[in-house]
Amino acid sequence: MSELAPHKTMIDEYKGNKILKIYKVDDEGNEVEKYGTIVSFGVTKAKYILENIEAIKAFVDEQS
């Protein structure tokens, strides 16, 4: 797998619902303002991701 850009995760809120956000950071650990969010999702999507984590890993391996 290739080296990923520096990033962090945080629990945020969208329309009153908790979400997990993965976002790019600069060298000081501050969120990159423009296009900083890599991906964000709520609990339901997180459950689907966890249920299918092996398929996701296989996809990454095949496409890298």
N, C-alpha and C. Protein backbone atom coordinates (compact mmCIF):
# COMPACT_ATOMS: atom_id res chain seq x y z
N MET A 1 0.84 -1.18 0.00
CA MET A 1 0.00 0.00 0.00
C MET A 1 0.89 1.24 0.00
N SER A 2 0.44 2.29 -0.68
CA SER A 2 1.23 3.51 -0.76
C SER A 2 1.12 4.33 0.52
N GLU A 3 2.05 5.23 0.67
CA GLU A 3 2.06 6.12 1.83
C GLU A 3 0.89 7.10 1.73
N LEU A 4 0.14 7.23 2.82
CA LEU A 4 -1.00 8.14 2.84
C LEU A 4 -0.59 9.50 3.37
N ALA A 5 -1.32 10.52 2.94
CA ALA A 5 -1.09 11.88 3.43
C ALA A 5 -1.38 11.92 4.93
N PRO A 6 -0.73 12.82 5.65
CA PRO A 6 -1.01 12.94 7.09
C PRO A 6 -2.50 13.19 7.32
N HIS A 7 -3.06 12.47 8.29
CA HIS A 7 -4.49 12.59 8.54
C HIS A 7 -4.81 12.27 9.99
N LYS A 8 -6.01 12.64 10.40
CA LYS A 8 -6.52 12.36 11.74
C LYS A 8 -7.99 11.99 11.63
N THR A 9 -8.53 11.50 12.74
CA THR A 9 -9.96 11.23 12.81
C THR A 9 -10.57 12.03 13.96
N MET A 10 -11.85 12.30 13.84
CA MET A 10 -12.57 12.96 14.91
C MET A 10 -14.05 12.61 14.82
N ILE A 11 -14.72 12.68 15.94
CA ILE A 11 -16.17 12.54 15.94
C ILE A 11 -16.74 13.94 15.81
N ASP A 12 -17.59 14.12 14.81
CA ASP A 12 -18.18 15.41 14.51
C ASP A 12 -19.70 15.23 14.49
N GLU A 13 -20.39 16.24 14.04
CA GLU A 13 -21.85 16.16 13.98
C GLU A 13 -22.33 16.72 12.65
N TYR A 14 -23.33 16.06 12.07
CA TYR A 14 -23.93 16.50 10.81
C TYR A 14 -25.43 16.37 10.94
N LYS A 15 -26.13 17.47 10.81
CA LYS A 15 -27.59 17.49 10.94
C LYS A 15 -28.07 16.79 12.20
N GLY A 16 -27.36 17.01 13.30
CA GLY A 16 -27.74 16.46 14.59
C GLY A 16 -27.32 15.03 14.85
N ASN A 17 -26.62 14.41 13.90
CA ASN A 17 -26.17 13.03 14.05
C ASN A 17 -24.66 12.98 14.16
N LYS A 18 -24.15 12.08 14.99
CA LYS A 18 -22.70 11.90 15.14
C LYS A 18 -22.15 11.22 13.90
N ILE A 19 -20.99 11.69 13.45
CA ILE A 19 -20.28 11.09 12.32
C ILE A 19 -18.81 10.92 12.69
N LEU A 20 -18.16 9.99 12.03
CA LEU A 20 -16.71 9.85 12.12
C LEU A 20 -16.13 10.51 10.88
N LYS A 21 -15.18 11.37 11.09
CA LYS A 21 -14.58 12.13 10.00
C LYS A 21 -13.10 11.81 9.94
N ILE A 22 -12.61 11.51 8.76
CA ILE A 22 -11.18 11.32 8.52
C ILE A 22 -10.76 12.50 7.64
N TYR A 23 -9.77 13.25 8.10
CA TYR A 23 -9.41 14.47 7.39
C TYR A 23 -7.91 14.65 7.32
N LYS A 24 -7.48 15.37 6.27
CA LYS A 24 -6.06 15.66 6.07
C LYS A 24 -5.61 16.76 7.02
N VAL A 25 -4.35 16.65 7.45
CA VAL A 25 -3.77 17.68 8.33
C VAL A 25 -2.44 18.16 7.73
N ASP A 26 -2.04 19.36 8.17
CA ASP A 26 -0.75 19.89 7.75
C ASP A 26 0.33 19.38 8.70
N ASP A 27 1.53 19.89 8.55
CA ASP A 27 2.66 19.44 9.36
C ASP A 27 2.48 19.69 10.86
N GLU A 28 1.66 20.68 11.21
CA GLU A 28 1.40 20.99 12.61
C GLU A 28 0.19 20.24 13.17
N GLY A 29 -0.45 19.43 12.34
CA GLY A 29 -1.62 18.67 12.79
C GLY A 29 -2.93 19.40 12.67
N ASN A 30 -2.94 20.54 11.97
CA ASN A 30 -4.16 21.30 11.76
C ASN A 30 -4.87 20.83 10.50
N GLU A 31 -6.19 20.82 10.54
CA GLU A 31 -6.96 20.38 9.38
C GLU A 31 -6.67 21.26 8.17
N VAL A 32 -6.45 20.60 7.03
CA VAL A 32 -6.27 21.32 5.78
C VAL A 32 -7.64 21.88 5.40
N GLU A 33 -7.72 23.17 5.20
CA GLU A 33 -9.03 23.81 5.02
C GLU A 33 -9.73 23.41 3.73
N LYS A 34 -9.08 23.54 2.60
CA LYS A 34 -9.74 23.25 1.33
C LYS A 34 -9.64 21.76 1.02
N TYR A 35 -10.77 21.11 0.89
CA TYR A 35 -10.85 19.67 0.58
C TYR A 35 -10.16 18.82 1.64
N GLY A 36 -10.22 19.23 2.90
CA GLY A 36 -9.54 18.51 3.96
C GLY A 36 -10.19 17.20 4.34
N THR A 37 -11.52 17.13 4.23
CA THR A 37 -12.22 15.90 4.62
C THR A 37 -12.00 14.83 3.56
N ILE A 38 -11.47 13.70 3.99
CA ILE A 38 -11.24 12.57 3.09
C ILE A 38 -12.53 11.76 2.98
N VAL A 39 -13.11 11.44 4.15
CA VAL A 39 -14.36 10.69 4.18
C VAL A 39 -15.02 10.92 5.53
N SER A 40 -16.35 10.89 5.54
CA SER A 40 -17.09 10.96 6.80
C SER A 40 -18.32 10.09 6.66
N PHE A 41 -18.71 9.46 7.77
CA PHE A 41 -19.86 8.57 7.74
C PHE A 41 -20.40 8.39 9.15
N GLY A 42 -21.67 7.98 9.20
CA GLY A 42 -22.34 7.76 10.48
C GLY A 42 -22.26 6.31 10.92
N VAL A 43 -22.98 6.02 11.98
CA VAL A 43 -22.93 4.69 12.60
C VAL A 43 -23.41 3.59 11.65
N THR A 44 -24.49 3.83 10.92
CA THR A 44 -25.01 2.78 10.02
C THR A 44 -23.99 2.42 8.96
N LYS A 45 -23.39 3.41 8.30
CA LYS A 45 -22.37 3.11 7.28
C LYS A 45 -21.15 2.46 7.92
N ALA A 46 -20.79 2.89 9.12
CA ALA A 46 -19.66 2.27 9.83
C ALA A 46 -19.91 0.79 10.06
N LYS A 47 -21.14 0.43 10.40
CA LYS A 47 -21.47 -0.99 10.60
C LYS A 47 -21.31 -1.77 9.31
N TYR A 48 -21.75 -1.20 8.19
CA TYR A 48 -21.59 -1.88 6.89
C TYR A 48 -20.11 -2.04 6.55
N ILE A 49 -19.32 -1.01 6.83
CA ILE A 49 -17.89 -1.09 6.57
C ILE A 49 -17.26 -2.21 7.39
N LEU A 50 -17.58 -2.26 8.68
CA LEU A 50 -17.02 -3.31 9.54
C LEU A 50 -17.47 -4.70 9.10
N GLU A 51 -18.71 -4.82 8.67
CA GLU A 51 -19.25 -6.11 8.21
C GLU A 51 -18.50 -6.59 6.96
N ASN A 52 -17.98 -5.64 6.18
CA ASN A 52 -17.35 -5.98 4.90
C ASN A 52 -15.87 -5.60 4.83
N ILE A 53 -15.22 -5.53 5.98
CA ILE A 53 -13.84 -5.07 6.03
C ILE A 53 -12.88 -5.97 5.23
N GLU A 54 -13.12 -7.26 5.22
CA GLU A 54 -12.24 -8.16 4.46
C GLU A 54 -12.36 -7.91 2.96
N ALA A 55 -13.56 -7.64 2.47
CA ALA A 55 -13.75 -7.32 1.05
C ALA A 55 -13.07 -5.99 0.71
N ILE A 56 -13.13 -5.05 1.62
CA ILE A 56 -12.48 -3.76 1.42
C ILE A 56 -10.97 -3.95 1.37
N LYS A 57 -10.43 -4.74 2.29
CA LYS A 57 -8.99 -5.00 2.29
C LYS A 57 -8.57 -5.68 0.98
N ALA A 58 -9.34 -6.65 0.53
CA ALA A 58 -9.02 -7.35 -0.72
C ALA A 58 -9.06 -6.39 -1.91
N PHE A 59 -10.03 -5.50 -1.92
CA PHE A 59 -10.13 -4.49 -2.98
C PHE A 59 -8.89 -3.62 -3.01
N VAL A 60 -8.46 -3.14 -1.86
CA VAL A 60 -7.27 -2.29 -1.78
C VAL A 60 -6.04 -3.06 -2.26
N ASP A 61 -5.90 -4.31 -1.82
CA ASP A 61 -4.76 -5.12 -2.24
C ASP A 61 -4.74 -5.33 -3.76
N GLU A 62 -5.91 -5.61 -4.32
CA GLU A 62 -6.00 -5.86 -5.77
C GLU A 62 -5.74 -4.61 -6.60
N GLN A 63 -6.14 -3.47 -6.09
CA GLN A 63 -6.06 -2.23 -6.86
C GLN A 63 -4.79 -1.43 -6.61
N SER A 64 -4.00 -1.84 -5.64
CA SER A 64 -2.78 -1.08 -5.32
C SER A 64 -1.61 -1.53 -6.16
